[in-house]
Amino acid sequence: MHIIVATTASNLNDKKKEEIREELKQAMSSGVAVLSSGIEVRVLDVDSRDTLEVKALVGK
C-alpha cells in the first residue's frame, strides 16, 4: 500500500487543503501532479517497511 504525504510550511485554509487532496487523488491515476511551490510530496510504501514510525501532529 502506498501513502502519499504532502507537507508545507505555509498555513493553508480548508479550501486549499481540499484542492491539494483532489489533485493528489487525480495524480494517483494519471501519475502527474501539479502543485504549488513549497509543497513537498513523499510516497511511503508501507508494505515494504519493517517498522512504522508514528508521528502525531498537534495543532497550535
Protein backbone atom coordinates (compact mmCIF):
# COMPACT_ATOMS: atom_id res chain seq x y z
CA MET A 1 0.00 0.00 0.00
CA HIS A 2 1.23 3.48 -0.83
CA ILE A 3 0.54 6.53 1.30
CA ILE A 4 1.04 9.99 -0.16
CA VAL A 5 2.24 12.60 2.34
CA ALA A 6 2.15 16.26 1.34
CA THR A 7 3.73 18.83 3.65
CA THR A 8 4.28 22.58 3.57
CA ALA A 9 5.48 25.27 5.94
CA SER A 10 2.63 27.54 4.78
CA ASN A 11 -0.66 27.92 6.60
CA LEU A 12 -3.40 26.55 4.36
CA ASN A 13 -7.11 27.16 4.63
CA ASP A 14 -9.55 24.27 4.35
CA LYS A 15 -10.37 25.06 0.70
CA LYS A 16 -6.70 24.92 -0.34
CA LYS A 17 -6.16 21.66 1.59
CA GLU A 18 -9.09 20.08 -0.24
CA GLU A 19 -7.74 21.30 -3.61
CA ILE A 20 -4.40 19.61 -2.85
CA ARG A 21 -6.16 16.38 -1.81
CA GLU A 22 -8.14 16.34 -5.06
CA GLU A 23 -5.00 16.98 -7.13
CA LEU A 24 -3.22 14.10 -5.41
CA LYS A 25 -6.21 11.78 -5.93
CA GLN A 26 -6.13 12.57 -9.65
CA ALA A 27 -2.36 12.06 -9.68
CA MET A 28 -2.80 8.53 -8.37
CA SER A 29 -4.50 7.55 -11.63
CA SER A 30 -2.67 9.83 -14.07
CA GLY A 31 0.80 9.73 -12.50
CA VAL A 32 1.13 13.53 -12.74
CA ALA A 33 0.51 16.17 -10.05
CA VAL A 34 0.85 19.92 -10.48
CA LEU A 35 1.31 21.56 -7.09
CA SER A 36 2.36 24.99 -5.86
CA SER A 37 5.98 25.56 -4.96
CA GLY A 38 6.74 24.94 -1.32
CA ILE A 39 4.78 21.70 -1.16
CA GLU A 40 6.85 18.59 -0.55
CA VAL A 41 5.36 15.24 -1.52
CA ARG A 42 6.60 11.83 -0.39
CA VAL A 43 5.21 8.41 -1.20
CA LEU A 44 5.52 5.83 1.56
CA ASP A 45 5.40 2.15 0.65
CA VAL A 46 4.18 0.70 3.93
CA ASP A 47 4.16 -2.90 2.67
CA SER A 48 7.95 -2.93 2.40
CA ARG A 49 8.72 -1.31 5.78
CA ASP A 50 9.72 -3.48 8.70
CA THR A 51 8.72 -0.88 11.25
CA LEU A 52 6.36 2.05 11.06
CA GLU A 53 7.32 5.33 12.64
CA VAL A 54 4.30 7.16 14.01
CA LYS A 55 4.30 10.91 14.48
CA ALA A 56 1.43 12.91 15.89
CA LEU A 57 0.78 16.38 14.53
CA VAL A 58 -0.60 18.64 17.21
CA GLY A 59 -2.29 21.93 16.32
CA LYS A 60 -1.20 25.14 17.97
